[in-house]
Amino acid sequence: PSGHPWMFRDAVSDDRLLVNGHEVFVPPPGQVNEIGQPCYIMVNITIPVYTLKERCLQVVRSLVKREDYRNLEIVGSLYDELEDQPQILKDLKRIQRQLAETEETLADRES
């Protein structure tokens, strides 16, 4: 069996990071040396290319206290987006939906 999935987040903002260019990393099975100890696997953890809107929201979140978002003179829909902080559980649910849709598409192609 393969190892458990890994996701990486920014320690301060909780924004998603990429591992080897993907949101999720699952280590390959059986990575041990000749005496049975686990082998280390080198991975690259990088910042994704965020959209300009995502990056602007990140900067505003870092500069403005949450309770002061509604005092900003911005369009109303951005208040909700600012308050919708990054959360790993939301990302896990989104990834789970994507996997289910992919499996469904593959099953439709096979039938």
C-alpha atoms as a PDB file:
ATOM      1  CA  PRO A   1       0.000   0.000   0.000  1.00  0.00           C
ATOM      2  CA  SER A   2       1.088   3.560  -0.630  1.00  0.00           C
ATOM      3  CA  GLY A   3       1.592   6.131   2.111  1.00  0.00           C
ATOM      4  CA  HIS A   4      -1.039   8.578   3.244  1.00  0.00           C
ATOM      5  CA  PRO A   5      -1.732  11.746   1.218  1.00  0.00           C
ATOM      6  CA  TRP A   6       0.108  14.938   2.090  1.00  0.00           C
ATOM      7  CA  MET A   7      -1.060  18.522   1.550  1.00  0.00           C
ATOM      8  CA  PHE A   8       1.023  21.586   2.312  1.00  0.00           C
ATOM      9  CA  ARG A   9      -0.178  24.954   3.597  1.00  0.00           C
ATOM     10  CA  ASP A  10       1.398  28.308   4.381  1.00  0.00           C
ATOM     11  CA  ALA A  11       1.973  28.363   8.154  1.00  0.00           C
ATOM     12  CA  VAL A  12       0.712  31.947   8.562  1.00  0.00           C
ATOM     13  CA  SER A  13      -2.058  32.415   5.981  1.00  0.00           C
ATOM     14  CA  ASP A  14      -3.142  28.760   5.527  1.00  0.00           C
ATOM     15  CA  ASP A  15      -3.028  29.313   1.745  1.00  0.00           C
ATOM     16  CA  ARG A  16      -2.464  26.175  -0.296  1.00  0.00           C
ATOM     17  CA  LEU A  17       0.964  25.236  -1.568  1.00  0.00           C
ATOM     18  CA  LEU A  18       1.935  22.762  -4.275  1.00  0.00           C
ATOM     19  CA  VAL A  19       4.080  19.666  -3.883  1.00  0.00           C
ATOM     20  CA  ASN A  20       5.828  18.563  -7.073  1.00  0.00           C
ATOM     21  CA  GLY A  21       3.335  20.757  -8.938  1.00  0.00           C
ATOM     22  CA  HIS A  22       0.214  19.135  -7.425  1.00  0.00           C
ATOM     23  CA  GLU A  23      -2.096  19.896  -4.514  1.00  0.00           C
ATOM     24  CA  VAL A  24      -1.744  16.410  -3.029  1.00  0.00           C
ATOM     25  CA  PHE A  25       1.293  14.142  -2.712  1.00  0.00           C
ATOM     26  CA  VAL A  26       0.938  10.406  -2.120  1.00  0.00           C
ATOM     27  CA  PRO A  27       4.308   8.744  -1.525  1.00  0.00           C
ATOM     28  CA  PRO A  28       4.953   5.593  -3.531  1.00  0.00           C
ATOM     29  CA  PRO A  29       4.724   2.282  -1.660  1.00  0.00           C
ATOM     30  CA  GLY A  30       7.676   0.370  -0.275  1.00  0.00           C
ATOM     31  CA  GLN A  31      10.269   3.114  -0.093  1.00  0.00           C
ATOM     32  CA  VAL A  32      12.731   1.463   2.321  1.00  0.00           C
ATOM     33  CA  ASN A  33      16.487   0.934   2.255  1.00  0.00           C
ATOM     34  CA  GLU A  34      18.353  -2.386   2.460  1.00  0.00           C
ATOM     35  CA  ILE A  35      17.887  -2.635   6.248  1.00  0.00           C
ATOM     36  CA  GLY A  36      14.171  -1.826   6.168  1.00  0.00           C
ATOM     37  CA  GLN A  37      14.288   1.813   7.234  1.00  0.00           C
ATOM     38  CA  PRO A  38      12.075   4.297   5.395  1.00  0.00           C
ATOM     39  CA  CYS A  39      13.818   6.214   2.618  1.00  0.00           C
ATOM     40  CA  TYR A  40      13.472   9.948   2.403  1.00  0.00           C
ATOM     41  CA  ILE A  41      11.776  11.229  -0.716  1.00  0.00           C
ATOM     42  CA  MET A  42      12.763  14.673  -1.959  1.00  0.00           C
ATOM     43  CA  VAL A  43       9.776  16.810  -2.921  1.00  0.00           C
ATOM     44  CA  ASN A  44       9.514  20.392  -4.126  1.00  0.00           C
ATOM     45  CA  ILE A  45       7.055  22.547  -2.215  1.00  0.00           C
ATOM     46  CA  THR A  46       6.216  25.690  -4.154  1.00  0.00           C
ATOM     47  CA  ILE A  47       3.825  28.612  -4.146  1.00  0.00           C
ATOM     48  CA  PRO A  48       1.223  28.247  -6.915  1.00  0.00           C
ATOM     49  CA  VAL A  49       0.534  31.004  -9.408  1.00  0.00           C
ATOM     50  CA  TYR A  50      -2.432  32.635  -7.732  1.00  0.00           C
ATOM     51  CA  THR A  51      -4.858  34.752  -9.740  1.00  0.00           C
ATOM     52  CA  LEU A  52      -4.486  38.494  -9.276  1.00  0.00           C
ATOM     53  CA  LYS A  53      -7.747  38.502  -7.305  1.00  0.00           C
ATOM     54  CA  GLU A  54      -6.554  35.678  -5.004  1.00  0.00           C
ATOM     55  CA  ARG A  55      -3.256  37.459  -4.397  1.00  0.00           C
ATOM     56  CA  CYS A  56      -4.999  40.775  -3.656  1.00  0.00           C
ATOM     57  CA  LEU A  57      -7.279  39.053  -1.146  1.00  0.00           C
ATOM     58  CA  GLN A  58      -4.210  37.488   0.511  1.00  0.00           C
ATOM     59  CA  VAL A  59      -2.501  40.881   0.831  1.00  0.00           C
ATOM     60  CA  VAL A  60      -5.596  42.607   2.218  1.00  0.00           C
ATOM     61  CA  ARG A  61      -6.068  39.763   4.738  1.00  0.00           C
ATOM     62  CA  SER A  62      -2.473  40.207   5.863  1.00  0.00           C
ATOM     63  CA  LEU A  63      -2.782  43.980   6.290  1.00  0.00           C
ATOM     64  CA  VAL A  64      -6.331  44.463   7.612  1.00  0.00           C
ATOM     65  CA  LYS A  65      -7.861  42.957  10.734  1.00  0.00           C
ATOM     66  CA  ARG A  66     -10.793  40.657  10.052  1.00  0.00           C
ATOM     67  CA  GLU A  67     -13.183  42.853  12.035  1.00  0.00           C
ATOM     68  CA  ASP A  68     -12.214  45.841   9.855  1.00  0.00           C
ATOM     69  CA  TYR A  69     -12.930  44.265   6.430  1.00  0.00           C
ATOM     70  CA  ARG A  70     -16.388  45.852   6.265  1.00  0.00           C
ATOM     71  CA  ASN A  71     -14.884  49.309   6.873  1.00  0.00           C
ATOM     72  CA  LEU A  72     -13.004  49.121   3.574  1.00  0.00           C
ATOM     73  CA  GLU A  73     -14.453  51.044   0.651  1.00  0.00           C
ATOM     74  CA  ILE A  74     -14.721  48.118  -1.748  1.00  0.00           C
ATOM     75  CA  VAL A  75     -17.497  46.391  -3.652  1.00  0.00           C
ATOM     76  CA  GLY A  76     -19.757  44.399  -1.309  1.00  0.00           C
ATOM     77  CA  SER A  77     -19.082  40.975  -2.810  1.00  0.00           C
ATOM     78  CA  LEU A  78     -15.416  41.271  -1.801  1.00  0.00           C
ATOM     79  CA  TYR A  79     -16.355  41.466   1.889  1.00  0.00           C
ATOM     80  CA  ASP A  80     -17.661  37.903   1.721  1.00  0.00           C
ATOM     81  CA  GLU A  81     -14.605  36.719  -0.186  1.00  0.00           C
ATOM     82  CA  LEU A  82     -12.268  38.330   2.349  1.00  0.00           C
ATOM     83  CA  GLU A  83     -14.157  36.686   5.186  1.00  0.00           C
ATOM     84  CA  ASP A  84     -14.003  33.322   3.395  1.00  0.00           C
ATOM     85  CA  GLN A  85     -10.551  32.479   4.742  1.00  0.00           C
ATOM     86  CA  PRO A  86      -8.522  29.586   3.287  1.00  0.00           C
ATOM     87  CA  GLN A  87      -9.220  26.334   5.145  1.00  0.00           C
ATOM     88  CA  ILE A  88      -7.788  22.897   4.559  1.00  0.00           C
ATOM     89  CA  LEU A  89     -11.169  21.224   5.153  1.00  0.00           C
ATOM     90  CA  LYS A  90     -12.718  23.212   2.297  1.00  0.00           C
ATOM     91  CA  ASP A  91      -9.845  22.188   0.041  1.00  0.00           C
ATOM     92  CA  LEU A  92     -10.200  18.541   1.040  1.00  0.00           C
ATOM     93  CA  LYS A  93     -13.919  18.614   0.199  1.00  0.00           C
ATOM     94  CA  ARG A  94     -13.186  20.306  -3.148  1.00  0.00           C
ATOM     95  CA  ILE A  95     -10.522  17.729  -4.021  1.00  0.00           C
ATOM     96  CA  GLN A  96     -12.860  14.904  -2.988  1.00  0.00           C
ATOM     97  CA  ARG A  97     -15.569  16.302  -5.320  1.00  0.00           C
ATOM     98  CA  GLN A  98     -13.054  16.558  -8.165  1.00  0.00           C
ATOM     99  CA  LEU A  99     -11.951  12.949  -7.647  1.00  0.00           C
ATOM    100  CA  ALA A 100     -15.562  11.756  -7.598  1.00  0.00           C
ATOM    101  CA  GLU A 101     -16.286  13.661 -10.827  1.00  0.00           C
ATOM    102  CA  THR A 102     -13.175  12.201 -12.465  1.00  0.00           C
ATOM    103  CA  GLU A 103     -14.131   8.659 -11.417  1.00  0.00           C
ATOM    104  CA  GLU A 104     -17.659   9.229 -12.716  1.00  0.00           C
ATOM    105  CA  THR A 105     -16.319  10.470 -16.059  1.00  0.00           C
ATOM    106  CA  LEU A 106     -14.008   7.457 -16.379  1.00  0.00           C
ATOM    107  CA  ALA A 107     -16.871   5.072 -15.536  1.00  0.00           C
ATOM    108  CA  ASP A 108     -19.060   6.733 -18.204  1.00  0.00           C
ATOM    109  CA  ARG A 109     -16.328   6.257 -20.803  1.00  0.00           C
ATOM    110  CA  GLU A 110     -15.986   2.563 -19.943  1.00  0.00           C
ATOM    111  CA  SER A 111     -19.705   1.881 -20.332  1.00  0.00           C
END
